[in-house]
Amino acid sequence: MNDMLILVAAVFLPLFPFSMLFNALHSGLRPPILRALLLLLWPQVGLLIIDHNGLTPPGWLLAWAVLSSLLYALRALALREVGMWIGFLATSSWALIWLMLDQGLGAERLARVALGISVPLVMLSILAAGLERRFGAAYLGLYGGLAQSMPRFAIMLVLVVLAVIATPLFPGFFAMLSMMIATMPSAPLLAVAIGVIWLLWSWAGARLLQGLIVGPKTQAVDDLGGLGLGLYILLLAALIASSGYWLEAIV
């Protein structure tokens, strides 16, 4: 029975091939608000299943989680559609939460970690919806030069992508650092794999930004408005300012 419940949880803390359900749902949802809710709530359901049933992940599942995360990090490198890129980075990130479960962290603390990972993904999803509204699609290489055509939008895009790929000061950074430190003594190969995944996220993020930010100005479009800019700045500042809170959640 416990093994069956773990497999159900593996749908929401997505492990391949169960991860295909989330990515199919995420790709099929067009309204930004529904995509945002999916990104926020999906991993929380998995954590609720685990907490309610007192499940403990078996050792073999940790390798499965790292391999699933590695698979989606690699696949993100080849993606051109921003929405799919977000879905694959979400899958790659959430799969690693299984390693934190193995550390014995409580459900409430893990829910905070999952939220810290999901909020930047939601912010990027809303920015991607803005690209679709302005250009008809959100594809790398289809248009470029956002740094010139929409400088305020471009700045926010860069900062949000940095949050998504777990650069320092953002919640994901502390989560990744914690996993590597906790895993290194008992399973150094898994710790190395986590580092490789982290590197692949950075590479995928650089490709995403290069495909959108760099290049000549393609056409005149409306830049991010003052209200939207202010909201994004506040959210990013809140994420950075809460670094101690997120750090407390994983140590």
Protein backbone atom coordinates (compact mmCIF):
# COMPACT_ATOMS: atom_id res chain seq x y z
CA MET A 1 0.00 0.00 0.00
CA ASN A 2 2.82 2.42 0.88
CA ASP A 3 4.54 1.72 -2.43
CA MET A 4 1.31 2.55 -4.27
CA LEU A 5 0.93 5.82 -2.36
CA ILE A 6 4.55 6.72 -3.12
CA LEU A 7 3.84 6.19 -6.83
CA VAL A 8 0.81 8.47 -6.53
CA ALA A 9 2.98 11.09 -4.84
CA ALA A 10 5.49 10.63 -7.67
CA VAL A 11 2.90 12.15 -10.00
CA PHE A 12 2.92 15.40 -8.02
CA LEU A 13 6.59 15.45 -7.06
CA PRO A 14 7.13 14.34 -10.61
CA LEU A 15 9.28 11.36 -11.44
CA PHE A 16 9.59 10.12 -15.01
CA PRO A 17 7.37 8.78 -16.61
CA PHE A 18 4.64 10.03 -14.22
CA SER A 19 5.96 13.54 -14.88
CA MET A 20 4.41 13.45 -18.34
CA LEU A 21 0.97 14.06 -16.81
CA PHE A 22 2.00 17.40 -15.32
CA ASN A 23 3.73 18.53 -18.50
CA ALA A 24 0.72 17.57 -20.61
CA LEU A 25 -1.58 19.54 -18.31
CA HIS A 26 0.76 22.51 -18.18
CA SER A 27 1.10 22.63 -21.98
CA GLY A 28 -2.65 22.29 -22.46
CA LEU A 29 -3.62 25.12 -20.12
CA ARG A 30 -3.64 28.48 -21.88
CA PRO A 31 -5.07 30.97 -19.32
CA PRO A 32 -2.13 32.36 -17.31
CA ILE A 33 -4.05 32.19 -14.03
CA LEU A 34 -4.64 28.44 -14.44
CA ARG A 35 -0.99 27.83 -15.27
CA ALA A 36 0.01 29.85 -12.23
CA LEU A 37 -2.29 27.86 -9.93
CA LEU A 38 -1.00 24.59 -11.37
CA LEU A 39 2.61 25.60 -10.72
CA LEU A 40 1.83 26.65 -7.16
CA LEU A 41 -0.39 23.75 -6.11
CA TRP A 42 0.97 20.69 -7.94
CA PRO A 43 3.93 19.91 -5.63
CA GLN A 44 1.91 20.81 -2.55
CA VAL A 45 -0.51 17.97 -3.34
CA GLY A 46 2.38 15.53 -3.40
CA LEU A 47 3.63 16.78 -0.04
CA LEU A 48 0.13 16.46 1.44
CA ILE A 49 -0.09 12.83 0.29
CA ILE A 50 3.28 12.06 1.85
CA ASP A 51 2.55 13.87 5.12
CA HIS A 52 -0.98 12.49 5.55
CA ASN A 53 0.21 8.90 5.10
CA GLY A 54 3.54 9.22 6.90
CA LEU A 55 5.48 8.00 3.87
CA THR A 56 9.26 7.71 3.79
CA PRO A 57 10.95 7.46 0.38
CA PRO A 58 12.99 4.27 -0.09
CA GLY A 59 16.65 4.64 -0.99
CA TRP A 60 16.24 3.50 -4.59
CA LEU A 61 13.74 6.29 -5.20
CA LEU A 62 16.36 8.98 -4.57
CA ALA A 63 18.39 7.84 -7.57
CA TRP A 64 15.17 7.80 -9.62
CA ALA A 65 14.46 11.38 -8.53
CA VAL A 66 17.93 12.60 -9.50
CA LEU A 67 17.79 10.82 -12.87
CA SER A 68 14.33 12.30 -13.57
CA SER A 69 15.59 15.76 -12.69
CA LEU A 70 18.66 15.27 -14.88
CA LEU A 71 16.53 14.11 -17.81
CA TYR A 72 14.34 17.20 -17.76
CA ALA A 73 17.30 19.53 -17.24
CA LEU A 74 18.88 18.06 -20.37
CA ARG A 75 15.65 18.29 -22.35
CA ALA A 76 15.24 21.95 -21.37
CA LEU A 77 18.45 22.73 -23.26
CA ALA A 78 16.80 21.86 -26.57
CA LEU A 79 13.49 23.67 -26.03
CA ARG A 80 12.48 26.80 -27.89
CA GLU A 81 8.94 27.26 -26.52
CA VAL A 82 9.07 29.17 -23.24
CA GLY A 83 5.99 27.53 -21.75
CA MET A 84 7.45 24.05 -22.19
CA TRP A 85 10.78 25.30 -20.82
CA ILE A 86 8.99 26.42 -17.64
CA GLY A 87 7.22 23.05 -17.32
CA PHE A 88 10.45 21.10 -17.71
CA LEU A 89 12.34 23.28 -15.21
CA ALA A 90 9.45 22.84 -12.76
CA THR A 91 9.60 19.06 -13.21
CA SER A 92 13.37 19.01 -12.80
CA SER A 93 13.19 21.15 -9.64
CA TRP A 94 10.30 19.40 -7.92
CA ALA A 95 11.77 15.93 -8.46
CA LEU A 96 14.66 16.90 -6.19
CA ILE A 97 12.28 17.55 -3.28
CA TRP A 98 12.42 13.77 -2.72
CA LEU A 99 16.00 14.21 -1.51
CA MET A 100 14.82 16.71 1.10
CA LEU A 101 12.20 14.21 2.25
CA ASP A 102 15.04 11.79 2.84
CA GLN A 103 16.66 14.41 5.09
CA GLY A 104 13.65 14.13 7.42
CA LEU A 105 12.37 17.68 7.00
CA GLY A 106 8.79 18.26 8.11
CA ALA A 107 5.93 18.77 5.69
CA GLU A 108 5.47 22.40 6.67
CA ARG A 109 9.11 23.24 6.00
CA LEU A 110 9.08 21.36 2.71
CA ALA A 111 5.92 23.19 1.68
CA ARG A 112 7.84 26.45 2.15
CA VAL A 113 10.70 25.13 0.02
CA ALA A 114 8.29 24.04 -2.73
CA LEU A 115 6.66 27.46 -2.63
CA GLY A 116 10.03 29.18 -2.91
CA ILE A 117 10.78 27.10 -6.01
CA SER A 118 7.34 27.61 -7.57
CA VAL A 119 6.91 31.38 -7.15
CA PRO A 120 9.70 32.31 -9.63
CA LEU A 121 8.23 29.80 -12.10
CA VAL A 122 4.85 31.51 -11.78
CA MET A 123 6.47 34.91 -12.36
CA LEU A 124 8.21 33.59 -15.48
CA SER A 125 4.95 32.03 -16.68
CA ILE A 126 3.23 35.42 -16.46
CA LEU A 127 6.08 37.06 -18.37
CA ALA A 128 5.78 34.35 -21.03
CA ALA A 129 2.06 35.13 -21.30
CA GLY A 130 3.06 38.76 -21.86
CA LEU A 131 5.27 37.68 -24.77
CA GLU A 132 2.44 35.66 -26.26
CA ARG A 133 0.11 38.64 -26.00
CA ARG A 134 2.59 40.99 -27.68
CA PHE A 135 4.07 38.70 -30.33
CA GLY A 136 1.54 35.88 -30.68
CA ALA A 137 3.97 33.27 -29.32
CA ALA A 138 6.81 32.84 -26.83
CA TYR A 139 9.61 31.14 -28.78
CA LEU A 140 13.37 31.49 -28.62
CA GLY A 141 14.77 32.92 -31.83
CA LEU A 142 11.39 33.92 -33.24
CA TYR A 143 12.09 37.48 -32.21
CA GLY A 144 14.94 39.01 -30.27
CA GLY A 145 16.33 42.26 -29.03
CA LEU A 146 13.98 42.57 -26.08
CA ALA A 147 16.73 44.50 -24.31
CA GLN A 148 16.14 47.25 -26.88
CA SER A 149 12.43 46.93 -27.61
CA MET A 150 11.28 46.30 -24.00
CA PRO A 151 14.14 47.18 -21.62
CA ARG A 152 12.07 47.06 -18.41
CA PHE A 153 10.52 43.74 -19.42
CA ALA A 154 13.98 42.41 -20.32
CA ILE A 155 15.45 43.34 -16.94
CA MET A 156 12.64 41.57 -15.10
CA LEU A 157 12.96 38.55 -17.39
CA VAL A 158 16.67 38.25 -16.60
CA LEU A 159 16.11 38.53 -12.84
CA VAL A 160 13.24 36.04 -12.81
CA VAL A 161 15.22 33.50 -14.84
CA LEU A 162 18.08 33.89 -12.35
CA ALA A 163 15.61 33.07 -9.57
CA VAL A 164 14.31 30.03 -11.47
CA ILE A 165 17.78 28.55 -12.03
CA ALA A 166 18.67 28.90 -8.33
CA THR A 167 21.33 31.59 -8.36
CA PRO A 168 22.55 32.96 -5.00
CA LEU A 169 20.15 34.94 -2.78
CA PHE A 170 17.07 33.23 -4.21
CA PRO A 171 15.29 30.33 -2.42
CA GLY A 172 16.30 27.69 -4.95
CA PHE A 173 19.97 28.38 -4.24
CA PHE A 174 19.62 27.41 -0.58
CA ALA A 175 17.59 24.32 -1.49
CA MET A 176 20.23 23.08 -3.94
CA LEU A 177 23.09 23.87 -1.58
CA SER A 178 21.36 22.02 1.25
CA MET A 179 20.77 18.94 -0.91
CA MET A 180 24.39 18.79 -2.06
CA ILE A 181 25.77 19.18 1.47
CA ALA A 182 23.38 16.58 2.94
CA THR A 183 23.94 14.07 0.14
CA MET A 184 27.72 14.29 -0.21
CA PRO A 185 28.75 12.15 2.82
CA SER A 186 26.47 9.16 2.09
CA ALA A 187 26.02 9.35 -1.69
CA PRO A 188 28.74 11.46 -3.35
CA LEU A 189 27.70 10.40 -6.85
CA LEU A 190 24.20 11.76 -6.25
CA ALA A 191 25.70 15.00 -4.96
CA VAL A 192 27.78 15.31 -8.13
CA ALA A 193 24.66 14.63 -10.21
CA ILE A 194 22.85 17.43 -8.36
CA GLY A 195 25.72 19.76 -9.23
CA VAL A 196 25.47 18.73 -12.89
CA ILE A 197 21.72 19.41 -12.84
CA TRP A 198 22.37 22.84 -11.35
CA LEU A 199 24.89 23.55 -14.12
CA LEU A 200 22.42 22.42 -16.78
CA TRP A 201 19.78 24.77 -15.38
CA SER A 202 22.25 27.65 -15.73
CA TRP A 203 23.05 26.62 -19.28
CA ALA A 204 19.36 26.35 -20.18
CA GLY A 205 18.68 29.73 -18.59
CA ALA A 206 21.52 31.33 -20.56
CA ARG A 207 20.14 29.89 -23.81
CA LEU A 208 16.67 31.16 -22.96
CA LEU A 209 17.90 34.68 -22.32
CA GLN A 210 20.15 34.66 -25.37
CA GLY A 211 17.21 33.67 -27.56
CA LEU A 212 15.04 36.50 -26.27
CA ILE A 213 17.20 39.34 -25.00
CA VAL A 214 20.09 39.50 -27.47
CA GLY A 215 19.90 40.80 -31.01
CA PRO A 216 18.64 43.79 -32.96
CA LYS A 217 15.32 45.37 -32.15
CA THR A 218 12.68 43.55 -34.17
CA GLN A 219 9.53 45.61 -33.73
CA ALA A 220 8.02 48.27 -31.51
CA VAL A 221 5.90 46.84 -28.69
CA ASP A 222 4.57 48.06 -25.38
CA ASP A 223 7.07 47.68 -22.54
CA LEU A 224 6.19 46.46 -19.06
CA GLY A 225 4.03 49.08 -17.37
CA GLY A 226 4.90 50.88 -14.16
CA LEU A 227 2.47 48.84 -12.06
CA GLY A 228 3.72 45.52 -13.44
CA LEU A 229 7.32 46.60 -12.97
CA GLY A 230 6.64 47.59 -9.38
CA LEU A 231 4.93 44.28 -8.60
CA TYR A 232 7.79 42.27 -10.00
CA ILE A 233 10.36 44.31 -8.11
CA LEU A 234 8.42 43.78 -4.88
CA LEU A 235 8.13 40.03 -5.43
CA LEU A 236 11.82 39.65 -6.25
CA ALA A 237 12.79 41.80 -3.28
CA ALA A 238 10.54 39.71 -1.03
CA LEU A 239 12.18 36.49 -2.25
CA ILE A 240 15.65 37.87 -1.59
CA ALA A 241 14.70 39.43 1.75
CA SER A 242 13.24 36.12 2.91
CA SER A 243 16.50 34.26 2.32
CA GLY A 244 16.89 33.63 6.05
CA TYR A 245 13.36 32.24 6.17
CA TRP A 246 14.06 29.83 3.32
CA LEU A 247 17.41 28.90 4.80
CA GLU A 248 15.68 28.06 8.11
CA ALA A 249 13.34 25.80 6.17
CA ILE A 250 16.14 23.56 4.94
CA VAL A 251 18.71 23.50 7.74
